PDB file of N, CA and C in Angstrom:
ATOM      1  N   MET A   1       0.725  -1.287   0.173  1.00  0.00           N
ATOM      2  CA  MET A   1      -0.363   0.138  -0.316  1.00  0.00           C
ATOM      3  C   MET A   1       0.691   1.158   0.213  1.00  0.00           C
ATOM      4  N   LYS A   2       0.684   1.767  -0.618  1.00  0.00           N
ATOM      5  CA  LYS A   2       0.994   3.618  -1.120  1.00  0.00           C
ATOM      6  C   LYS A   2       0.264   4.428   0.038  1.00  0.00           C
ATOM      7  N   HIS A   3       1.297   4.832   1.085  1.00  0.00           N
ATOM      8  CA  HIS A   3       0.725   6.011   2.521  1.00  0.00           C
ATOM      9  C   HIS A   3       1.498   7.580   1.944  1.00  0.00           C
ATOM     10  N   TYR A   4       0.686   7.720   2.244  1.00  0.00           N
ATOM     11  CA  TYR A   4       0.493   9.426   1.850  1.00  0.00           C
ATOM     12  C   TYR A   4       0.058  10.383   2.546  1.00  0.00           C
ATOM     13  N   ILE A   5       1.561  10.829   3.062  1.00  0.00           N
ATOM     14  CA  ILE A   5       1.649  11.475   4.545  1.00  0.00           C
ATOM     15  C   ILE A   5       1.681  13.123   4.320  1.00  0.00           C
ATOM     16  N   VAL A   6       1.028  13.255   5.620  1.00  0.00           N
ATOM     17  CA  VAL A   6       1.507  14.848   5.394  1.00  0.00           C
ATOM     18  C   VAL A   6       1.146  15.650   6.531  1.00  0.00           C
ATOM     19  N   LEU A   7       2.391  16.362   6.716  1.00  0.00           N
ATOM     20  CA  LEU A   7       2.356  17.237   7.840  1.00  0.00           C
ATOM     21  C   LEU A   7       1.904  18.574   8.033  1.00  0.00           C
ATOM     22  N   LEU A   8       1.476  18.651   8.758  1.00  0.00           N
ATOM     23  CA  LEU A   8       0.483  19.942   9.237  1.00  0.00           C
ATOM     24  C   LEU A   8       0.945  21.405   8.869  1.00  0.00           C
ATOM     25  N   ASP A   9       1.870  21.008   9.907  1.00  0.00           N
ATOM     26  CA  ASP A   9       2.588  22.230  10.482  1.00  0.00           C
ATOM     27  C   ASP A   9       3.926  21.970  10.564  1.00  0.00           C
ATOM     28  N   ARG A  10       4.812  22.127   9.918  1.00  0.00           N
ATOM     29  CA  ARG A  10       5.928  21.458   9.604  1.00  0.00           C
ATOM     30  C   ARG A  10       7.173  22.570  10.179  1.00  0.00           C
ATOM     31  N   ALA A  11       6.911  23.634  10.054  1.00  0.00           N
ATOM     32  CA  ALA A  11       7.693  24.822  10.874  1.00  0.00           C
ATOM     33  C   ALA A  11       7.551  24.052  12.102  1.00  0.00           C
ATOM     34  N   GLU A  12       6.476  23.700  12.997  1.00  0.00           N
ATOM     35  CA  GLU A  12       6.869  23.683  14.535  1.00  0.00           C
ATOM     36  C   GLU A  12       7.595  22.424  14.587  1.00  0.00           C
ATOM     37  N   ILE A  13       8.074  21.811  13.861  1.00  0.00           N
ATOM     38  CA  ILE A  13       8.464  19.972  14.078  1.00  0.00           C
ATOM     39  C   ILE A  13       9.683  20.195  14.130  1.00  0.00           C
ATOM     40  N   PRO A  14      10.877  20.192  14.387  1.00  0.00           N
ATOM     41  CA  PRO A  14      12.091  20.341  14.894  1.00  0.00           C
ATOM     42  C   PRO A  14      13.211  19.134  13.754  1.00  0.00           C
ATOM     43  N   GLY A  15      14.314  19.727  13.572  1.00  0.00           N
ATOM     44  CA  GLY A  15      14.691  18.459  13.218  1.00  0.00           C
ATOM     45  C   GLY A  15      15.099  18.141  11.889  1.00  0.00           C
ATOM     46  N   GLU A  16      15.995  17.211  11.206  1.00  0.00           N
ATOM     47  CA  GLU A  16      15.576  16.480   9.960  1.00  0.00           C
ATOM     48  C   GLU A  16      14.818  15.069  10.244  1.00  0.00           C
ATOM     49  N   LEU A  17      14.368  14.742   8.955  1.00  0.00           N
ATOM     50  CA  LEU A  17      13.642  14.134   9.086  1.00  0.00           C
ATOM     51  C   LEU A  17      13.837  12.821   7.878  1.00  0.00           C
ATOM     52  N   ARG A  18      14.258  12.088   8.292  1.00  0.00           N
ATOM     53  CA  ARG A  18      14.637  11.055   7.427  1.00  0.00           C
ATOM     54  C   ARG A  18      13.424  10.113   6.178  1.00  0.00           C
ATOM     55  N   ILE A  19      13.761   9.975   5.092  1.00  0.00           N
ATOM     56  CA  ILE A  19      13.173   9.548   3.563  1.00  0.00           C
ATOM     57  C   ILE A  19      12.995   8.194   4.139  1.00  0.00           C
ATOM     58  N   PRO A  20      11.404   7.677   4.432  1.00  0.00           N
ATOM     59  CA  PRO A  20      10.852   6.701   4.814  1.00  0.00           C
ATOM     60  C   PRO A  20      11.197   5.827   3.591  1.00  0.00           C
ATOM     61  N   ASP A  21      11.290   4.226   3.818  1.00  0.00           N
ATOM     62  CA  ASP A  21      12.157   3.185   3.126  1.00  0.00           C
ATOM     63  C   ASP A  21      10.857   2.450   2.661  1.00  0.00           C
ATOM     64  N   PHE A  22       9.547   3.194   2.328  1.00  0.00           N
ATOM     65  CA  PHE A  22       8.440   2.585   1.693  1.00  0.00           C
ATOM     66  C   PHE A  22       7.410   3.373   0.860  1.00  0.00           C
ATOM     67  N   ASP A  23       6.664   2.822  -0.221  1.00  0.00           N
ATOM     68  CA  ASP A  23       5.912   3.377  -0.937  1.00  0.00           C
ATOM     69  C   ASP A  23       5.306   4.571   0.144  1.00  0.00           C
ATOM     70  N   HIS A  24       5.357   5.973  -0.359  1.00  0.00           N
ATOM     71  CA  HIS A  24       4.686   6.926   0.184  1.00  0.00           C
ATOM     72  C   HIS A  24       4.905   8.019  -0.382  1.00  0.00           C
ATOM     73  N   VAL A  25       3.806   8.710  -0.109  1.00  0.00           N
ATOM     74  CA  VAL A  25       4.378  10.269  -1.367  1.00  0.00           C
ATOM     75  C   VAL A  25       3.734  11.389   0.255  1.00  0.00           C
ATOM     76  N   TRP A  26       4.812  12.199   0.383  1.00  0.00           N
ATOM     77  CA  TRP A  26       5.451  13.168   1.622  1.00  0.00           C
ATOM     78  C   TRP A  26       5.025  14.643   1.232  1.00  0.00           C
ATOM     79  N   VAL A  27       4.362  15.142   2.426  1.00  0.00           N
ATOM     80  CA  VAL A  27       3.755  16.534   1.790  1.00  0.00           C
ATOM     81  C   VAL A  27       4.260  17.349   3.610  1.00  0.00           C
ATOM     82  N   GLU A  28       4.613  18.524   2.954  1.00  0.00           N
ATOM     83  CA  GLU A  28       4.435  18.824   4.254  1.00  0.00           C
ATOM     84  C   GLU A  28       4.560  20.705   3.628  1.00  0.00           C
ATOM     85  N   HIS A  29       3.926  21.125   5.249  1.00  0.00           N
ATOM     86  CA  HIS A  29       2.587  22.498   4.734  1.00  0.00           C
ATOM     87  C   HIS A  29       3.445  22.989   5.661  1.00  0.00           C
ATOM     88  N   PRO A  30       4.198  24.050   5.936  1.00  0.00           N
ATOM     89  CA  PRO A  30       4.365  24.820   6.688  1.00  0.00           C
ATOM     90  C   PRO A  30       3.492  25.506   7.592  1.00  0.00           C
ATOM     91  N   GLN A  31       2.749  25.721   7.497  1.00  0.00           N
ATOM     92  CA  GLN A  31       1.280  25.680   8.662  1.00  0.00           C
ATOM     93  C   GLN A  31       0.202  25.638   7.783  1.00  0.00           C
ATOM     94  N   THR A  32      -1.186  25.235   8.630  1.00  0.00           N
ATOM     95  CA  THR A  32      -1.992  25.028   8.428  1.00  0.00           C
ATOM     96  C   THR A  32      -2.882  25.726   8.827  1.00  0.00           C
ATOM     97  N   LEU A  33      -3.586  26.652   8.544  1.00  0.00           N
ATOM     98  CA  LEU A  33      -4.614  28.299   9.461  1.00  0.00           C
ATOM     99  C   LEU A  33      -6.085  27.199   8.988  1.00  0.00           C
ATOM    100  N   PRO A  34      -6.265  27.957   9.826  1.00  0.00           N
ATOM    101  CA  PRO A  34      -8.060  27.366  10.518  1.00  0.00           C
ATOM    102  C   PRO A  34      -9.152  27.189   9.087  1.00  0.00           C
ATOM    103  N   GLY A  35      -9.540  26.386   8.981  1.00  0.00           N
ATOM    104  CA  GLY A  35     -10.283  26.363   7.602  1.00  0.00           C
ATOM    105  C   GLY A  35      -9.431  25.109   6.395  1.00  0.00           C
ATOM    106  N   GLU A  36      -8.575  24.914   6.810  1.00  0.00           N
ATOM    107  CA  GLU A  36      -7.321  24.501   5.886  1.00  0.00           C
ATOM    108  C   GLU A  36      -7.154  23.060   5.897  1.00  0.00           C
ATOM    109  N   CYS A  37      -7.430  22.170   7.172  1.00  0.00           N
ATOM    110  CA  CYS A  37      -6.836  20.994   7.904  1.00  0.00           C
ATOM    111  C   CYS A  37      -7.500  20.219   6.742  1.00  0.00           C
ATOM    112  N   THR A  38      -8.724  20.238   6.745  1.00  0.00           N
ATOM    113  CA  THR A  38      -9.554  19.184   5.581  1.00  0.00           C
ATOM    114  C   THR A  38      -8.804  18.778   4.046  1.00  0.00           C
ATOM    115  N   ASP A  39      -8.986  20.462   3.542  1.00  0.00           N
ATOM    116  CA  ASP A  39      -8.067  20.447   2.156  1.00  0.00           C
ATOM    117  C   ASP A  39      -6.313  19.894   2.247  1.00  0.00           C
ATOM    118  N   HIS A  40      -6.040  20.333   2.829  1.00  0.00           N
ATOM    119  CA  HIS A  40      -4.176  19.762   3.441  1.00  0.00           C
ATOM    120  C   HIS A  40      -4.391  18.029   4.028  1.00  0.00           C
ATOM    121  N   LEU A  41      -5.137  17.035   4.595  1.00  0.00           N
ATOM    122  CA  LEU A  41      -5.367  16.112   5.159  1.00  0.00           C
ATOM    123  C   LEU A  41      -6.563  15.185   4.269  1.00  0.00           C
ATOM    124  N   TRP A  42      -7.153  15.487   3.431  1.00  0.00           N
ATOM    125  CA  TRP A  42      -7.859  14.960   3.005  1.00  0.00           C
ATOM    126  C   TRP A  42      -7.631  13.579   1.715  1.00  0.00           C
ATOM    127  N   ARG A  43      -6.184  13.409   1.454  1.00  0.00           N
ATOM    128  CA  ARG A  43      -6.133  12.916   0.786  1.00  0.00           C
ATOM    129  C   ARG A  43      -4.488  11.527   1.746  1.00  0.00           C
ATOM    130  N   ALA A  44      -4.740  11.656   2.508  1.00  0.00           N
ATOM    131  CA  ALA A  44      -3.837  11.789   3.491  1.00  0.00           C
ATOM    132  C   ALA A  44      -4.450  10.004   4.240  1.00  0.00           C
ATOM    133  N   THR A  45      -2.813   9.301   4.742  1.00  0.00           N
ATOM    134  CA  THR A  45      -3.263   7.927   5.364  1.00  0.00           C
ATOM    135  C   THR A  45      -2.337   7.658   6.707  1.00  0.00           C
ATOM    136  N   ILE A  46      -1.515   9.029   6.431  1.00  0.00           N
ATOM    137  CA  ILE A  46      -0.977   9.568   7.626  1.00  0.00           C
ATOM    138  C   ILE A  46      -1.000  10.763   8.035  1.00  0.00           C
ATOM    139  N   GLY A  47      -1.344  11.346   9.198  1.00  0.00           N
ATOM    140  CA  GLY A  47      -1.170  12.795   8.818  1.00  0.00           C
ATOM    141  C   GLY A  47      -0.588  13.364  10.638  1.00  0.00           C
ATOM    142  N   VAL A  48       0.263  14.602  10.621  1.00  0.00           N
ATOM    143  CA  VAL A  48       0.976  14.805  11.729  1.00  0.00           C
ATOM    144  C   VAL A  48       0.718  16.469  12.323  1.00  0.00           C
ATOM    145  N   THR A  49       0.436  16.608  12.980  1.00  0.00           N
ATOM    146  CA  THR A  49      -0.145  17.919  13.756  1.00  0.00           C
ATOM    147  C   THR A  49       0.977  18.150  14.411  1.00  0.00           C
ATOM    148  N   HIS A  50       1.183  19.620  14.576  1.00  0.00           N
ATOM    149  CA  HIS A  50       2.069  19.783  16.030  1.00  0.00           C
ATOM    150  C   HIS A  50       0.649  20.410  17.266  1.00  0.00           C
ATOM    151  N   HIS A  51       0.365  21.910  16.123  1.00  0.00           N
ATOM    152  CA  HIS A  51      -0.677  22.539  17.144  1.00  0.00           C
ATOM    153  C   HIS A  51      -2.131  22.767  16.411  1.00  0.00           C
ATOM    154  N   THR A  52      -2.025  22.224  15.072  1.00  0.00           N
ATOM    155  CA  THR A  52      -2.975  22.224  14.063  1.00  0.00           C
ATOM    156  C   THR A  52      -4.541  21.317  14.313  1.00  0.00           C
ATOM    157  N   ALA A  53      -5.296  21.852  15.109  1.00  0.00           N
ATOM    158  CA  ALA A  53      -6.497  21.224  15.158  1.00  0.00           C
ATOM    159  C   ALA A  53      -6.972  20.067  14.164  1.00  0.00           C
ATOM    160  N   VAL A  54      -7.614  19.233  14.301  1.00  0.00           N
ATOM    161  CA  VAL A  54      -8.082  18.491  13.562  1.00  0.00           C
ATOM    162  C   VAL A  54      -9.667  17.977  14.203  1.00  0.00           C
ATOM    163  N   SER A  55     -10.623  18.143  13.857  1.00  0.00           N
ATOM    164  CA  SER A  55     -12.237  18.378  14.128  1.00  0.00           C
ATOM    165  C   SER A  55     -13.083  16.968  13.852  1.00  0.00           C
ATOM    166  N   ARG A  56     -14.246  17.689  14.306  1.00  0.00           N
ATOM    167  CA  ARG A  56     -14.306  15.516  13.533  1.00  0.00           C
ATOM    168  C   ARG A  56     -14.930  16.129  12.186  1.00  0.00           C
ATOM    169  N   ALA A  57     -15.409  17.216  11.596  1.00  0.00           N
ATOM    170  CA  ALA A  57     -15.660  17.407  10.014  1.00  0.00           C
ATOM    171  C   ALA A  57     -14.195  17.206   9.510  1.00  0.00           C
ATOM    172  N   ASP A  58     -13.330  17.416   9.607  1.00  0.00           N
ATOM    173  CA  ASP A  58     -12.151  17.034   9.120  1.00  0.00           C
ATOM    174  C   ASP A  58     -12.276  15.987   9.102  1.00  0.00           C
ATOM    175  N   ILE A  59     -11.867  14.991  10.332  1.00  0.00           N
ATOM    176  CA  ILE A  59     -11.797  13.513  10.237  1.00  0.00           C
ATOM    177  C   ILE A  59     -12.814  12.897   9.634  1.00  0.00           C
ATOM    178  N   ASP A  60     -13.922  13.286   9.622  1.00  0.00           N
ATOM    179  CA  ASP A  60     -15.026  12.600   8.646  1.00  0.00           C
ATOM    180  C   ASP A  60     -15.068  13.023   6.768  1.00  0.00           C
ATOM    181  N   ALA A  61     -14.096  13.717   6.733  1.00  0.00           N
ATOM    182  CA  ALA A  61     -14.270  14.069   5.440  1.00  0.00           C
ATOM    183  C   ALA A  61     -12.154  13.623   4.954  1.00  0.00           C
ATOM    184  N   CYS A  62     -11.901  12.852   5.772  1.00  0.00           N
ATOM    185  CA  CYS A  62     -10.645  12.260   5.432  1.00  0.00           C
ATOM    186  C   CYS A  62     -10.800  10.882   5.695  1.00  0.00           C
ATOM    187  N   PRO A  63     -11.236  10.124   4.908  1.00  0.00           N
ATOM    188  CA  PRO A  63     -11.750   8.479   4.611  1.00  0.00           C
ATOM    189  C   PRO A  63     -10.415   7.874   4.326  1.00  0.00           C
ATOM    190  N   LYS A  64      -9.096   8.370   3.964  1.00  0.00           N
ATOM    191  CA  LYS A  64      -7.985   6.972   4.093  1.00  0.00           C
ATOM    192  C   LYS A  64      -7.175   7.229   4.897  1.00  0.00           C
ATOM    193  N   LEU A  65      -7.532   8.260   6.175  1.00  0.00           N
ATOM    194  CA  LEU A  65      -6.557   8.409   7.820  1.00  0.00           C
ATOM    195  C   LEU A  65      -7.163   7.258   8.342  1.00  0.00           C
ATOM    196  N   ARG A  66      -5.686   6.701   8.802  1.00  0.00           N
ATOM    197  CA  ARG A  66      -5.575   5.641   9.525  1.00  0.00           C
ATOM    198  C   ARG A  66      -4.962   5.968  10.534  1.00  0.00           C
ATOM    199  N   LEU A  67      -3.825   7.292  10.892  1.00  0.00           N
ATOM    200  CA  LEU A  67      -3.128   7.586  11.821  1.00  0.00           C
ATOM    201  C   LEU A  67      -2.636   8.868  11.851  1.00  0.00           C
ATOM    202  N   LEU A  68      -2.944   9.642  13.209  1.00  0.00           N
ATOM    203  CA  LEU A  68      -2.692  10.921  13.357  1.00  0.00           C
ATOM    204  C   LEU A  68      -1.560  11.304  14.400  1.00  0.00           C
ATOM    205  N   ILE A  69      -0.786  11.544  14.537  1.00  0.00           N
ATOM    206  CA  ILE A  69       0.481  12.155  14.996  1.00  0.00           C
ATOM    207  C   ILE A  69       0.282  13.382  15.788  1.00  0.00           C
ATOM    208  N   VAL A  70       0.490  13.603  16.856  1.00  0.00           N
ATOM    209  CA  VAL A  70       0.193  15.107  17.609  1.00  0.00           C
ATOM    210  C   VAL A  70       1.602  14.966  18.481  1.00  0.00           C
ATOM    211  N   THR A  71       2.575  15.862  18.080  1.00  0.00           N
ATOM    212  CA  THR A  71       3.827  16.378  18.574  1.00  0.00           C
ATOM    213  C   THR A  71       4.008  17.377  19.070  1.00  0.00           C
ATOM    214  N   GLY A  72       2.473  18.068  19.296  1.00  0.00           N
ATOM    215  CA  GLY A  72       2.651  19.105  20.627  1.00  0.00           C
ATOM    216  C   GLY A  72       2.219  18.635  21.559  1.00  0.00           C
ATOM    217  N   GLU A  73       2.233  19.524  22.672  1.00  0.00           N
ATOM    218  CA  GLU A  73       1.734  19.506  23.971  1.00  0.00           C
ATOM    219  C   GLU A  73       0.415  18.732  24.058  1.00  0.00           C
ATOM    220  N   GLU A  74      -0.476  19.275  23.330  1.00  0.00           N
ATOM    221  CA  GLU A  74      -1.244  19.459  23.786  1.00  0.00           C
ATOM    222  C   GLU A  74      -2.553  18.512  22.506  1.00  0.00           C
ATOM    223  N   LEU A  75      -2.481  17.732  23.542  1.00  0.00           N
ATOM    224  CA  LEU A  75      -3.515  16.511  22.634  1.00  0.00           C
ATOM    225  C   LEU A  75      -5.122  16.861  22.324  1.00  0.00           C
ATOM    226  N   ALA A  76      -5.763  17.861  22.756  1.00  0.00           N
ATOM    227  CA  ALA A  76      -6.768  18.029  22.895  1.00  0.00           C
ATOM    228  C   ALA A  76      -7.169  19.032  21.487  1.00  0.00           C
ATOM    229  N   ALA A  77      -6.500  19.416  21.074  1.00  0.00           N
ATOM    230  CA  ALA A  77      -6.419  19.558  19.557  1.00  0.00           C
ATOM    231  C   ALA A  77      -7.012  18.610  18.499  1.00  0.00           C
ATOM    232  N   VAL A  78      -7.335  17.729  19.118  1.00  0.00           N
ATOM    233  CA  VAL A  78      -8.023  16.029  18.086  1.00  0.00           C
ATOM    234  C   VAL A  78      -9.088  15.894  18.425  1.00  0.00           C
ATOM    235  N   ASP A  79      -9.733  15.773  17.828  1.00  0.00           N
ATOM    236  CA  ASP A  79     -10.758  15.062  18.252  1.00  0.00           C
ATOM    237  C   ASP A  79     -11.061  13.557  18.328  1.00  0.00           C
ATOM    238  N   GLY A  80     -10.287  13.161  19.322  1.00  0.00           N
ATOM    239  CA  GLY A  80     -10.092  11.978  20.330  1.00  0.00           C
ATOM    240  C   GLY A  80     -11.453  10.804  19.736  1.00  0.00           C
ATOM    241  N   GLU A  81     -12.392  11.416  20.055  1.00  0.00           N
ATOM    242  CA  GLU A  81     -13.268  10.180  19.980  1.00  0.00           C
ATOM    243  C   GLU A  81     -13.912  10.162  18.279  1.00  0.00           C
ATOM    244  N   ALA A  82     -13.963  11.508  17.614  1.00  0.00           N
ATOM    245  CA  ALA A  82     -13.685  11.031  15.884  1.00  0.00           C
ATOM    246  C   ALA A  82     -13.004  10.157  15.479  1.00  0.00           C
ATOM    247  N   CYS A  83     -11.933   9.861  16.255  1.00  0.00           N
ATOM    248  CA  CYS A  83     -10.804   8.607  15.660  1.00  0.00           C
ATOM    249  C   CYS A  83     -11.085   7.450  15.699  1.00  0.00           C
ATOM    250  N   ARG A  84     -11.330   7.813  17.412  1.00  0.00           N
ATOM    251  CA  ARG A  84     -11.917   6.136  17.892  1.00  0.00           C
ATOM    252  C   ARG A  84     -12.882   5.299  17.437  1.00  0.00           C
ATOM    253  N   GLU A  85     -13.877   6.226  17.212  1.00  0.00           N
ATOM    254  CA  GLU A  85     -15.321   5.870  15.980  1.00  0.00           C
ATOM    255  C   GLU A  85     -14.707   5.464  14.753  1.00  0.00           C
ATOM    256  N   ARG A  86     -13.997   6.389  13.725  1.00  0.00           N
ATOM    257  CA  ARG A  86     -13.269   5.797  12.733  1.00  0.00           C
ATOM    258  C   ARG A  86     -11.889   4.858  12.714  1.00  0.00           C
ATOM    259  N   GLY A  87     -11.428   4.067  13.717  1.00  0.00           N
ATOM    260  CA  GLY A  87     -10.533   3.396  13.499  1.00  0.00           C
ATOM    261  C   GLY A  87      -9.308   4.026  13.280  1.00  0.00           C
ATOM    262  N   ILE A  88      -8.974   4.989  13.691  1.00  0.00           N
ATOM    263  CA  ILE A  88      -7.899   6.020  13.642  1.00  0.00           C
ATOM    264  C   ILE A  88      -7.395   6.174  15.036  1.00  0.00           C
ATOM    265  N   ARG A  89      -5.837   5.967  14.136  1.00  0.00           N
ATOM    266  CA  ARG A  89      -4.786   5.594  15.995  1.00  0.00           C
ATOM    267  C   ARG A  89      -4.454   6.937  15.386  1.00  0.00           C
ATOM    268  N   VAL A  90      -4.450   6.986  17.153  1.00  0.00           N
ATOM    269  CA  VAL A  90      -3.705   8.333  17.502  1.00  0.00           C
ATOM    270  C   VAL A  90      -2.764   8.332  18.507  1.00  0.00           C
ATOM    271  N   ILE A  91      -0.813   8.907  18.143  1.00  0.00           N
ATOM    272  CA  ILE A  91      -0.272   9.029  18.527  1.00  0.00           C
ATOM    273  C   ILE A  91       0.502  10.258  19.382  1.00  0.00           C
ATOM    274  N   HIS A  92       0.123  10.551  20.543  1.00  0.00           N
ATOM    275  CA  HIS A  92       0.978  11.714  21.407  1.00  0.00           C
ATOM    276  C   HIS A  92       2.354  11.358  21.532  1.00  0.00           C
ATOM    277  N   LEU A  93       3.531  11.970  20.916  1.00  0.00           N
ATOM    278  CA  LEU A  93       4.880  12.547  21.286  1.00  0.00           C
ATOM    279  C   LEU A  93       5.408  13.945  21.103  1.00  0.00           C
ATOM    280  N   PRO A  94       4.930  14.393  23.287  1.00  0.00           N
ATOM    281  CA  PRO A  94       5.140  15.080  23.055  1.00  0.00           C
ATOM    282  C   PRO A  94       6.265  15.589  22.964  1.00  0.00           C
ATOM    283  N   SER A  95       6.810  16.684  22.487  1.00  0.00           N
ATOM    284  CA  SER A  95       8.270  17.439  22.751  1.00  0.00           C
ATOM    285  C   SER A  95       8.982  17.723  24.072  1.00  0.00           C
ATOM    286  N   ALA A  96       8.319  17.697  24.809  1.00  0.00           N
ATOM    287  CA  ALA A  96       8.599  18.191  26.487  1.00  0.00           C
ATOM    288  C   ALA A  96      10.434  17.505  26.452  1.00  0.00           C
ATOM    289  N   GLY A  97      11.612  18.137  27.108  1.00  0.00           N
ATOM    290  CA  GLY A  97      12.465  17.356  27.532  1.00  0.00           C
ATOM    291  C   GLY A  97      13.153  16.009  26.353  1.00  0.00           C
ATOM    292  N   ARG A  98      12.554  16.810  25.049  1.00  0.00           N
ATOM    293  CA  ARG A  98      13.414  15.898  23.743  1.00  0.00           C
ATOM    294  C   ARG A  98      14.481  17.099  23.085  1.00  0.00           C
ATOM    295  N   GLN A  99      15.171  16.028  22.656  1.00  0.00           N
ATOM    296  CA  GLN A  99      16.633  17.298  21.566  1.00  0.00           C
ATOM    297  C   GLN A  99      15.568  17.443  20.008  1.00  0.00           C
ATOM    298  N   ARG A 100      15.770  18.400  19.286  1.00  0.00           N
ATOM    299  CA  ARG A 100      15.313  18.325  18.049  1.00  0.00           C
ATOM    300  C   ARG A 100      15.298  16.958  17.281  1.00  0.00           C
ATOM    301  N   GLN A 101      16.626  16.615  17.599  1.00  0.00           N
ATOM    302  CA  GLN A 101      16.911  15.787  16.282  1.00  0.00           C
ATOM    303  C   GLN A 101      15.960  14.682  17.087  1.00  0.00           C
ATOM    304  N   GLU A 102      16.228  14.298  17.835  1.00  0.00           N
ATOM    305  CA  GLU A 102      15.496  13.169  18.864  1.00  0.00           C
ATOM    306  C   GLU A 102      13.821  13.218  18.518  1.00  0.00           C
ATOM    307  N   GLN A 103      13.393  14.259  18.785  1.00  0.00           N
ATOM    308  CA  GLN A 103      11.627  14.793  18.332  1.00  0.00           C
ATOM    309  C   GLN A 103      11.697  14.035  17.201  1.00  0.00           C
ATOM    310  N   ALA A 104      12.108  14.562  15.976  1.00  0.00           N
ATOM    311  CA  ALA A 104      12.084  14.070  14.367  1.00  0.00           C
ATOM    312  C   ALA A 104      13.069  12.583  14.057  1.00  0.00           C
ATOM    313  N   ASP A 105      13.373  11.811  14.847  1.00  0.00           N
ATOM    314  CA  ASP A 105      13.650  10.378  14.776  1.00  0.00           C
ATOM    315  C   ASP A 105      12.647   9.786  15.551  1.00  0.00           C
ATOM    316  N   ALA A 106      11.792  10.542  16.721  1.00  0.00           N
ATOM    317  CA  ALA A 106      10.963   9.495  17.592  1.00  0.00           C
ATOM    318  C   ALA A 106       9.420   9.427  16.369  1.00  0.00           C
ATOM    319  N   LEU A 107       9.439  10.845  15.737  1.00  0.00           N
ATOM    320  CA  LEU A 107       8.269  10.805  14.963  1.00  0.00           C
ATOM    321  C   LEU A 107       7.967   9.600  13.639  1.00  0.00           C
ATOM    322  N   MET A 108       9.157   9.644  12.708  1.00  0.00           N
ATOM    323  CA  MET A 108       9.959   8.935  12.095  1.00  0.00           C
ATOM    324  C   MET A 108       9.987   7.324  12.149  1.00  0.00           C
ATOM    325  N   ASP A 109      10.256   7.160  13.918  1.00  0.00           N
ATOM    326  CA  ASP A 109      10.329   5.802  14.640  1.00  0.00           C
ATOM    327  C   ASP A 109       8.704   5.328  14.577  1.00  0.00           C
ATOM    328  N   ALA A 110       7.890   6.272  14.862  1.00  0.00           N
ATOM    329  CA  ALA A 110       6.491   5.650  15.115  1.00  0.00           C
ATOM    330  C   ALA A 110       5.707   6.092  14.009  1.00  0.00           C
ATOM    331  N   ILE A 111       5.911   6.483  12.748  1.00  0.00           N
ATOM    332  CA  ILE A 111       5.179   6.331  11.362  1.00  0.00           C
ATOM    333  C   ILE A 111       5.685   5.189  10.684  1.00  0.00           C
ATOM    334  N   GLU A 112       7.132   4.563  10.949  1.00  0.00           N
ATOM    335  CA  GLU A 112       7.551   3.229  10.020  1.00  0.00           C
ATOM    336  C   GLU A 112       6.736   2.365  10.498  1.00  0.00           C
ATOM    337  N   ALA A 113       6.848   2.293  12.322  1.00  0.00           N
ATOM    338  CA  ALA A 113       6.500   1.329  13.102  1.00  0.00           C
ATOM    339  C   ALA A 113       4.570   0.897  12.938  1.00  0.00           C
ATOM    340  N   PHE A 114       4.058   2.254  12.486  1.00  0.00           N
ATOM    341  CA  PHE A 114       2.670   1.889  12.133  1.00  0.00           C
ATOM    342  C   PHE A 114       2.528   0.927  10.576  1.00  0.00           C
ATOM    343  N   VAL A 115       3.215   1.657   9.819  1.00  0.00           N
ATOM    344  CA  VAL A 115       3.498   1.222   8.475  1.00  0.00           C
ATOM    345  C   VAL A 115       3.834  -0.501   8.548  1.00  0.00           C
ATOM    346  N   ARG A 116       5.168  -0.946   9.324  1.00  0.00           N
ATOM    347  CA  ARG A 116       5.014  -2.158   9.131  1.00  0.00           C
ATOM    348  C   ARG A 116       4.089  -2.963   9.863  1.00  0.00           C
ATOM    349  N   ALA A 117       3.625  -2.379  10.926  1.00  0.00           N
ATOM    350  CA  ALA A 117       2.296  -3.332  11.654  1.00  0.00           C
ATOM    351  C   ALA A 117       1.233  -3.312  10.312  1.00  0.00           C
ATOM    352  N   ALA A 118       0.915  -2.451  10.176  1.00  0.00           N
ATOM    353  CA  ALA A 118      -0.257  -2.321   9.162  1.00  0.00           C
ATOM    354  C   ALA A 118       0.434  -3.296   7.949  1.00  0.00           C
ATOM    355  N   ALA A 119       1.427  -3.441   7.147  1.00  0.00           N
ATOM    356  CA  ALA A 119       1.428  -4.394   6.408  1.00  0.00           C
ATOM    357  C   ALA A 119       1.805  -5.824   6.938  1.00  0.00           C
ATOM    358  N   ASP A 120       2.116  -5.954   8.290  1.00  0.00           N
ATOM    359  CA  ASP A 120       2.032  -7.249   8.947  1.00  0.00           C
ATOM    360  C   ASP A 120       0.578  -8.064   8.705  1.00  0.00           C
ATOM    361  N   SER A 121      -0.497  -7.319   9.557  1.00  0.00           N
ATOM    362  CA  SER A 121      -1.831  -7.414   8.966  1.00  0.00           C
ATOM    363  C   SER A 121      -2.901  -7.693   8.447  1.00  0.00           C
TER     364      SER A 121
END
């Protein structure tokens, strides 16, 4: 399966992100303004947000979404109930206490682990 990975607010995610070694499309938005989330995320199988809100309406409009990773401190920006109802996995990777590159590596580790697990199932 080809994964479509979208970073909603790349400017907020520190460090260098390694290139995944699986079939994918990678899209980075420096920021996502209110009202742009669905437009940026609708093709995604994997979404990454730092502080961009992802509402129930956004989730409902993104039928391919399977994983949402939150790198900021606040998980409340994501409608967790809507994700649970749709079977979307949510991973919280807060940046507190991590070095810049350590945060970037943790993000990529989470993406790669999800893709491996999906391929095995």
